[in-house]
Amino acid sequence: MASPVGWLNEEPMRSKVEATIEVIRPALQADGGDIELVDVDEDTGVVTVRLVGACGTCPVSSETLKGGVERIMRDRIDGVTEVIDLSQAENAI
């Protein structure tokens, strides 16, 4: 029987995001890129990352972010609503 206070032992969202990034990272590195975790807002479910290396300048990085990184995180982690690439905002300035 599950403990009535089992929710106290749940892994924080940030830890789950970090573990998921480690699963995703080899595919990005294989193409000369990488991903850095910037922030996890557990209230809104928004995960902020920075795509770097080849991923930071790749013309299809938004597809990689939404179709790959965000989809995987939303499938694996309850509460993730969106993944935002901070490097796109930084490059727009």
Protein backbone atom coordinates (compact mmCIF):
# COMPACT_ATOMS: atom_id res chain seq x y z
CA MET A 1 0.00 0.00 0.00
CA ALA A 2 1.29 3.45 -0.86
CA SER A 3 2.24 5.75 1.95
CA PRO A 4 -0.31 8.53 2.58
CA VAL A 5 2.59 11.00 2.55
CA GLY A 6 4.22 9.50 -0.54
CA TRP A 7 3.97 12.84 -2.33
CA LEU A 8 6.60 14.14 0.12
CA ASN A 9 9.12 11.80 -1.47
CA GLU A 10 8.46 12.87 -5.06
CA GLU A 11 11.49 14.03 -6.97
CA PRO A 12 11.46 17.78 -7.65
CA MET A 13 10.65 18.82 -11.22
CA ARG A 14 14.12 20.34 -11.65
CA SER A 15 15.77 16.98 -10.92
CA LYS A 16 13.52 15.27 -13.47
CA VAL A 17 14.34 17.94 -16.05
CA GLU A 18 18.08 17.56 -15.40
CA ALA A 19 17.81 13.77 -15.81
CA THR A 20 15.83 14.15 -19.03
CA ILE A 21 18.40 16.59 -20.43
CA GLU A 22 21.07 13.94 -19.85
CA VAL A 23 19.01 11.55 -22.01
CA ILE A 24 18.58 14.16 -24.77
CA ARG A 25 22.11 15.58 -24.67
CA PRO A 26 23.94 12.82 -26.64
CA ALA A 27 21.73 13.37 -29.71
CA LEU A 28 22.41 17.10 -29.66
CA GLN A 29 26.14 16.57 -29.11
CA ALA A 30 26.26 14.15 -32.03
CA ASP A 31 25.33 17.12 -34.24
CA GLY A 32 27.84 19.48 -32.61
CA GLY A 33 25.41 21.14 -30.22
CA ASP A 34 24.45 20.97 -26.58
CA ILE A 35 21.80 22.11 -24.13
CA GLU A 36 22.12 23.99 -20.84
CA LEU A 37 19.39 24.19 -18.22
CA VAL A 38 18.72 27.79 -17.22
CA ASP A 39 15.55 27.62 -15.11
CA VAL A 40 12.56 25.49 -14.13
CA ASP A 41 9.43 27.32 -13.03
CA GLU A 42 7.44 24.67 -11.18
CA ASP A 43 4.43 26.97 -10.84
CA THR A 44 3.95 27.50 -14.59
CA GLY A 45 5.72 24.37 -15.87
CA VAL A 46 7.98 26.45 -18.10
CA VAL A 47 11.51 25.11 -18.58
CA THR A 48 14.10 27.57 -19.89
CA VAL A 49 17.16 26.18 -21.66
CA ARG A 50 19.95 27.52 -23.81
CA LEU A 51 20.86 25.65 -26.99
CA VAL A 52 24.57 26.10 -27.64
CA GLY A 53 27.18 25.14 -30.20
CA ALA A 54 25.76 24.14 -33.56
CA CYS A 55 22.27 24.07 -32.02
CA GLY A 56 22.49 27.74 -31.09
CA THR A 57 22.91 28.81 -34.71
CA CYS A 58 21.04 26.05 -36.52
CA PRO A 59 18.14 27.30 -38.67
CA VAL A 60 15.95 24.41 -37.49
CA SER A 61 16.75 24.75 -33.78
CA SER A 62 13.17 25.83 -33.03
CA GLU A 63 11.92 22.54 -34.51
CA THR A 64 14.49 20.63 -32.44
CA LEU A 65 13.35 22.50 -29.36
CA LYS A 66 9.59 22.08 -29.81
CA GLY A 67 9.43 18.78 -31.69
CA GLY A 68 12.21 17.09 -29.77
CA VAL A 69 13.20 18.58 -26.44
CA GLU A 70 9.79 19.92 -25.41
CA ARG A 71 7.91 16.83 -26.60
CA ILE A 72 10.22 14.50 -24.67
CA MET A 73 10.04 16.59 -21.50
CA ARG A 74 6.26 16.85 -21.64
CA ASP A 75 6.01 13.07 -22.16
CA ARG A 76 8.37 12.24 -19.29
CA ILE A 77 7.67 14.94 -16.70
CA ASP A 78 4.26 15.78 -15.28
CA GLY A 79 3.75 19.51 -15.11
CA VAL A 80 6.05 20.64 -17.92
CA THR A 81 3.99 22.92 -20.16
CA GLU A 82 6.61 24.56 -22.39
CA VAL A 83 10.32 24.66 -23.11
CA ILE A 84 11.82 28.02 -24.06
CA ASP A 85 15.25 28.54 -25.66
CA LEU A 86 16.89 31.56 -24.06
CA SER A 87 19.56 31.73 -26.78
CA GLN A 88 16.91 32.66 -29.38
CA ALA A 89 15.87 35.64 -27.26
CA GLU A 90 19.50 36.60 -26.66
CA ASN A 91 20.32 36.44 -30.38
CA ALA A 92 17.32 38.65 -31.21
CA ILE A 93 18.72 41.52 -29.15
